[in-house]
């Protein structure tokens, strides 16, 4: 009962924050929620519906981190979501605003719901994924393996199988998909991203300040963030994660030459839509025109 009351209170606070932001015009991405075309949302819902079961037998039990799926949300994974915008719709919208070839990076793929939507909506983007888990076999069925390079995972890692960098061919479109299966604390894994110039980045992997600090260090060292049009979105910025984000804002602004008012937080539905409380996201926005 106490846990339910806590969940209800958190949702109430977040929905109130969303209302206040919209009414008074606060929030870095406040205007975008109303700008996402219905066509993007409808396409994403259709893409999700094409996969009937996201969790095949044994997937979570044989994984490192249960693919980021907590037991309480596992029953929700195969249920349809409403037409209320989600973070995947937001990412798809910004991809549609980029008029030329772009690059998308997702750090923390989980079962692949956001990844699946992006490879089916961001047509002009090369899609790269990074996760400690192997790619969900449900999505592997839609891809053809082109190449795979393996290396020894660091001894200190919780991952006990070899790490890898794989390139796949998406059967439907003929596009290449790149997948890094490794621990985010493995420096070698980040070397595959060197000088790629990503325009859209979703950070949703290990939710600790230490992991995000290392992630940021690797991204900047690899020189893989676009200097022109760039959107970085961080999911689940709660408690110590939120404090990390606000401490890091000035560093981000200085390193990427972004005005400080283009770095902030907002609330939005996550990958389960309105079946859970809106998530607190962080974002850094540079160069994109979105209104």
Protein backbone atom coordinates (compact mmCIF):
# COMPACT_ATOMS: atom_id res chain seq x y z
CA UNK A 1 0.00 0.00 0.00
CA UNK A 2 2.83 2.36 0.90
CA UNK A 3 4.61 1.65 -2.38
CA UNK A 4 1.38 2.36 -4.31
CA UNK A 5 0.91 5.69 -2.51
CA UNK A 6 4.51 6.67 -3.28
CA UNK A 7 4.02 5.77 -6.96
CA UNK A 8 0.76 7.77 -7.09
CA UNK A 9 2.41 10.80 -5.46
CA UNK A 10 5.35 10.74 -7.91
CA UNK A 11 2.96 10.56 -10.87
CA UNK A 12 0.87 13.41 -9.47
CA UNK A 13 3.94 15.61 -9.05
CA UNK A 14 5.16 14.85 -12.58
CA UNK A 15 1.81 15.48 -14.26
CA UNK A 16 1.54 18.75 -12.32
CA UNK A 17 5.02 19.73 -13.50
CA UNK A 18 4.04 18.98 -17.11
CA UNK A 19 0.92 21.15 -16.79
CA UNK A 20 2.86 24.06 -15.26
CA UNK A 21 5.57 23.82 -17.92
CA UNK A 22 3.03 23.91 -20.73
CA UNK A 23 0.96 26.71 -19.20
CA UNK A 24 3.87 29.02 -18.46
CA UNK A 25 6.11 27.95 -21.35
CA UNK A 26 8.90 26.50 -19.22
CA UNK A 27 11.11 23.68 -20.40
CA UNK A 28 13.70 23.36 -23.14
CA UNK A 29 11.46 21.16 -25.30
CA UNK A 30 8.04 22.43 -24.17
CA UNK A 31 6.90 23.43 -27.67
CA UNK A 32 7.97 20.19 -29.30
CA UNK A 33 5.32 17.98 -27.65
CA UNK A 34 2.68 19.87 -29.62
CA UNK A 35 4.72 19.78 -32.83
CA UNK A 36 5.23 16.02 -33.27
CA UNK A 37 3.18 15.07 -36.34
CA UNK A 38 0.52 12.40 -35.92
CA UNK A 39 2.13 10.53 -38.81
CA UNK A 40 5.28 9.91 -36.74
CA UNK A 41 3.27 8.71 -33.74
CA UNK A 42 1.05 6.46 -35.87
CA UNK A 43 4.06 4.98 -37.64
CA UNK A 44 5.78 4.22 -34.34
CA UNK A 45 2.66 2.58 -32.89
CA UNK A 46 2.34 0.40 -35.99
CA UNK A 47 6.01 -0.57 -35.80
CA UNK A 48 5.65 -1.62 -32.15
CA UNK A 49 2.51 -3.62 -32.92
CA UNK A 50 4.43 -5.61 -35.54
CA UNK A 51 6.29 -7.37 -32.70
CA UNK A 52 3.82 -9.48 -30.71
CA UNK A 53 6.23 -10.70 -28.01
CA UNK A 54 9.22 -8.64 -26.89
CA UNK A 55 10.37 -11.10 -24.23
CA UNK A 56 10.93 -14.64 -25.55
CA UNK A 57 11.31 -17.44 -23.02
CA UNK A 58 14.64 -17.31 -21.18
CA UNK A 59 15.66 -13.85 -22.42
CA UNK A 60 15.66 -12.08 -19.06
CA UNK A 61 16.82 -15.07 -17.00
CA UNK A 62 19.95 -15.52 -19.14
CA UNK A 63 20.90 -11.83 -19.28
CA UNK A 64 23.24 -9.58 -17.31
CA UNK A 65 20.76 -6.92 -16.18
CA UNK A 66 17.42 -8.44 -17.28
CA UNK A 67 17.68 -6.17 -20.34
CA UNK A 68 16.78 -3.26 -18.07
CA UNK A 69 13.32 -4.69 -17.44
CA UNK A 70 12.12 -4.56 -13.83
CA UNK A 71 9.75 -7.39 -12.81
CA UNK A 72 6.89 -4.95 -12.16
CA UNK A 73 6.88 -3.66 -15.75
CA UNK A 74 7.52 -6.97 -17.51
CA UNK A 75 3.76 -7.67 -17.92
CA UNK A 76 3.38 -4.31 -19.72
CA UNK A 77 5.93 -4.88 -22.47
CA UNK A 78 3.59 -6.46 -25.01
CA UNK A 79 0.63 -4.14 -24.39
CA UNK A 80 -0.19 -1.37 -26.89
CA UNK A 81 0.42 2.23 -25.86
CA UNK A 82 -1.73 5.29 -26.47
CA UNK A 83 -1.17 8.09 -28.97
CA UNK A 84 0.31 10.36 -26.30
CA UNK A 85 3.86 11.29 -27.42
CA UNK A 86 6.79 9.28 -26.09
CA UNK A 87 10.53 9.87 -26.13
CA UNK A 88 10.79 7.66 -29.25
CA UNK A 89 8.31 9.96 -31.01
CA UNK A 90 10.44 12.92 -29.95
CA UNK A 91 13.61 11.34 -31.34
CA UNK A 92 11.82 10.45 -34.57
CA UNK A 93 10.59 14.03 -34.87
CA UNK A 94 14.09 15.48 -34.58
CA UNK A 95 15.37 12.93 -37.08
CA UNK A 96 12.72 14.16 -39.52
CA UNK A 97 13.93 17.75 -39.00
CA UNK A 98 17.45 16.81 -40.10
CA UNK A 99 17.45 17.32 -43.85
CA UNK A 100 20.61 15.34 -44.64
CA UNK A 101 22.38 12.11 -43.74
CA UNK A 102 22.68 11.75 -39.96
CA UNK A 103 23.85 9.38 -37.25
CA UNK A 104 21.88 8.07 -34.28
CA UNK A 105 23.43 6.47 -31.16
CA UNK A 106 21.45 4.66 -28.48
CA UNK A 107 23.31 3.77 -25.29
CA UNK A 108 21.25 1.28 -23.32
CA UNK A 109 19.02 -0.57 -25.80
CA UNK A 110 17.11 -2.86 -23.40
CA UNK A 111 14.74 -5.14 -25.35
CA UNK A 112 15.01 -2.76 -28.31
CA UNK A 113 11.68 -0.93 -28.46
CA UNK A 114 13.14 2.54 -29.07
CA UNK A 115 15.84 1.13 -31.35
CA UNK A 116 13.19 -0.69 -33.41
CA UNK A 117 11.16 2.50 -33.83
CA UNK A 118 14.18 4.54 -34.85
CA UNK A 119 15.38 2.17 -37.57
CA UNK A 120 11.87 2.27 -38.98
CA UNK A 121 11.41 6.05 -38.84
CA UNK A 122 14.80 7.77 -39.12
CA UNK A 123 15.25 6.78 -42.75
CA UNK A 124 18.25 9.01 -43.47
CA UNK A 125 20.11 8.03 -40.28
CA UNK A 126 22.82 5.44 -39.69
CA UNK A 127 21.78 3.73 -36.45
CA UNK A 128 24.28 2.62 -33.83
CA UNK A 129 23.43 0.79 -30.60
CA UNK A 130 25.45 0.10 -27.44
CA UNK A 131 24.38 -2.29 -24.69
CA UNK A 132 25.90 -4.80 -22.30
CA UNK A 133 23.31 -7.34 -23.48
CA UNK A 134 23.29 -9.13 -26.81
CA UNK A 135 20.73 -7.84 -29.28
CA UNK A 136 17.24 -9.14 -28.52
CA UNK A 137 16.76 -12.29 -30.65
CA UNK A 138 13.27 -11.04 -31.54
CA UNK A 139 14.93 -8.24 -33.53
CA UNK A 140 17.76 -10.46 -34.75
CA UNK A 141 15.15 -12.23 -36.88
CA UNK A 142 14.68 -8.99 -38.84
CA UNK A 143 18.41 -8.55 -39.49
CA UNK A 144 21.17 -10.32 -41.38
CA UNK A 145 24.59 -10.50 -39.73
CA UNK A 146 27.28 -8.99 -41.98
CA UNK A 147 30.28 -9.02 -39.64
CA UNK A 148 31.19 -9.50 -35.98
CA UNK A 149 34.42 -8.71 -34.15
CA UNK A 150 34.95 -10.00 -30.61
CA UNK A 151 37.39 -9.15 -27.82
CA UNK A 152 37.94 -10.15 -24.22
CA UNK A 153 35.67 -8.34 -21.78
CA UNK A 154 37.60 -6.63 -18.94
CA UNK A 155 37.95 -8.94 -15.94
CA UNK A 156 36.37 -6.37 -13.63
CA UNK A 157 33.13 -6.26 -15.64
CA UNK A 158 29.90 -7.90 -14.56
CA UNK A 159 29.70 -9.14 -18.16
CA UNK A 160 31.42 -12.54 -18.36
CA UNK A 161 31.03 -13.30 -22.07
CA UNK A 162 33.13 -11.82 -24.91
CA UNK A 163 32.34 -8.29 -26.02
CA UNK A 164 31.61 -7.61 -29.67
CA UNK A 165 30.99 -5.12 -32.45
CA UNK A 166 28.53 -6.35 -35.08
CA UNK A 167 27.18 -4.94 -38.32
CA UNK A 168 23.79 -6.11 -39.55
CA UNK A 169 21.72 -5.57 -42.65
CA UNK A 170 18.10 -4.65 -42.03
CA UNK A 171 16.13 -6.88 -44.41
CA UNK A 172 13.27 -4.43 -44.92
CA UNK A 173 15.34 -1.44 -46.03
CA UNK A 174 18.80 -2.78 -46.83
CA UNK A 175 20.35 -0.34 -44.33
CA UNK A 176 23.26 -1.26 -42.10
CA UNK A 177 22.80 -1.36 -38.31
CA UNK A 178 25.80 -1.30 -35.95
CA UNK A 179 25.65 -2.93 -32.51
CA UNK A 180 28.26 -2.75 -29.76
CA UNK A 181 27.74 -5.40 -27.07
CA UNK A 182 30.00 -4.38 -24.21
CA UNK A 183 30.25 -2.86 -20.75
CA UNK A 184 29.97 0.95 -20.82
CA UNK A 185 33.11 1.03 -18.65
CA UNK A 186 35.14 -0.72 -21.38
CA UNK A 187 37.24 1.98 -23.14
CA UNK A 188 37.90 -0.24 -26.16
CA UNK A 189 34.19 -0.43 -26.95
CA UNK A 190 34.01 3.34 -27.39
CA UNK A 191 36.84 3.34 -29.92
CA UNK A 192 34.39 2.13 -32.60
CA UNK A 193 32.58 5.48 -32.36
CA UNK A 194 35.61 7.65 -33.08
CA UNK A 195 34.94 10.65 -35.38
CA UNK A 196 31.48 9.46 -36.46
CA UNK A 197 29.61 12.73 -35.67
CA UNK A 198 26.35 11.64 -34.08
CA UNK A 199 23.41 14.03 -34.39
CA UNK A 200 21.01 12.29 -32.00
CA UNK A 201 22.09 10.41 -28.87
CA UNK A 202 19.89 8.63 -26.34
CA UNK A 203 21.60 7.80 -23.05
CA UNK A 204 19.63 5.15 -21.15
CA UNK A 205 22.16 2.59 -19.89
CA UNK A 206 23.64 2.32 -16.39
CA UNK A 207 21.93 4.91 -14.20
CA UNK A 208 24.73 6.04 -11.88
CA UNK A 209 26.70 9.31 -11.84
CA UNK A 210 29.94 7.35 -12.26
CA UNK A 211 28.65 5.65 -15.40
CA UNK A 212 27.43 8.93 -16.89
CA UNK A 213 30.72 10.65 -16.13
CA UNK A 214 32.62 7.87 -17.90
CA UNK A 215 30.13 7.90 -20.78
CA UNK A 216 30.57 11.65 -21.24
CA UNK A 217 34.35 11.33 -21.10
CA UNK A 218 34.30 8.61 -23.77
CA UNK A 219 31.91 10.50 -26.06
CA UNK A 220 33.99 13.65 -26.00
CA UNK A 221 37.30 11.79 -26.26
CA UNK A 222 36.01 9.92 -29.31
CA UNK A 223 35.10 13.24 -30.92
CA UNK A 224 31.83 11.65 -32.03
CA UNK A 225 29.30 14.39 -31.24
CA UNK A 226 28.21 16.59 -34.14
CA UNK A 227 29.38 20.17 -34.05
CA UNK A 228 26.41 21.34 -36.13
CA UNK A 229 23.08 19.68 -35.26
CA UNK A 230 23.04 17.75 -31.99
CA UNK A 231 20.39 16.43 -29.61
CA UNK A 232 21.40 14.39 -26.57
CA UNK A 233 18.64 12.95 -24.36
CA UNK A 234 19.25 11.34 -20.96
CA UNK A 235 16.49 9.14 -19.51
CA UNK A 236 15.53 8.61 -15.85
CA UNK A 237 17.19 11.66 -14.31
CA UNK A 238 15.96 11.06 -10.79
CA UNK A 239 17.63 11.63 -7.41
CA UNK A 240 21.44 11.46 -7.77
CA UNK A 241 21.14 11.35 -11.56
CA UNK A 242 19.34 14.68 -11.57
CA UNK A 243 22.00 16.19 -9.30
CA UNK A 244 24.72 14.85 -11.63
CA UNK A 245 23.03 16.45 -14.63
CA UNK A 246 22.77 19.91 -13.09
CA UNK A 247 26.36 19.76 -11.86
CA UNK A 248 27.49 18.80 -15.36
CA UNK A 249 25.54 21.44 -17.29
CA UNK A 250 28.23 24.11 -17.31
CA UNK A 251 30.89 21.60 -18.38
CA UNK A 252 28.71 20.38 -21.24
CA UNK A 253 27.95 23.92 -22.36
CA UNK A 254 31.63 24.89 -22.38
CA UNK A 255 32.88 21.74 -24.12
CA UNK A 256 30.26 21.74 -26.87
CA UNK A 257 29.81 25.52 -27.17
CA UNK A 258 26.11 25.32 -26.34
CA UNK A 259 24.16 28.12 -24.60
CA UNK A 260 23.31 27.06 -21.06
CA UNK A 261 19.60 27.63 -21.71
CA UNK A 262 19.73 24.83 -24.31
CA UNK A 263 20.50 22.29 -21.60
CA UNK A 264 17.68 21.33 -19.25
CA UNK A 265 15.11 18.79 -18.13
CA UNK A 266 11.57 17.93 -19.17
CA UNK A 267 8.93 15.30 -18.44
CA UNK A 268 7.60 12.95 -21.11
CA UNK A 269 6.27 9.43 -21.49
CA UNK A 270 8.94 6.77 -21.82
CA UNK A 271 8.95 3.52 -23.78
CA UNK A 272 5.87 2.16 -21.95
CA UNK A 273 3.85 5.26 -22.76
CA UNK A 274 1.15 6.34 -20.32
CA UNK A 275 1.20 2.91 -18.65
CA UNK A 276 3.77 4.35 -16.24
CA UNK A 277 4.60 7.78 -14.83
CA UNK A 278 6.20 10.27 -17.22
CA UNK A 279 10.00 10.11 -17.10
CA UNK A 280 12.25 13.01 -16.20
CA UNK A 281 14.58 13.48 -19.18
CA UNK A 282 17.59 15.71 -19.61
CA UNK A 283 18.48 17.21 -22.96
CA UNK A 284 21.17 19.16 -24.74
CA UNK A 285 20.12 20.84 -27.94
CA UNK A 286 22.33 22.47 -30.54
CA UNK A 287 21.62 23.57 -34.08
CA UNK A 288 18.27 21.85 -34.65
CA UNK A 289 15.34 23.98 -35.81
CA UNK A 290 12.19 22.57 -34.28
CA UNK A 291 9.42 25.20 -34.25
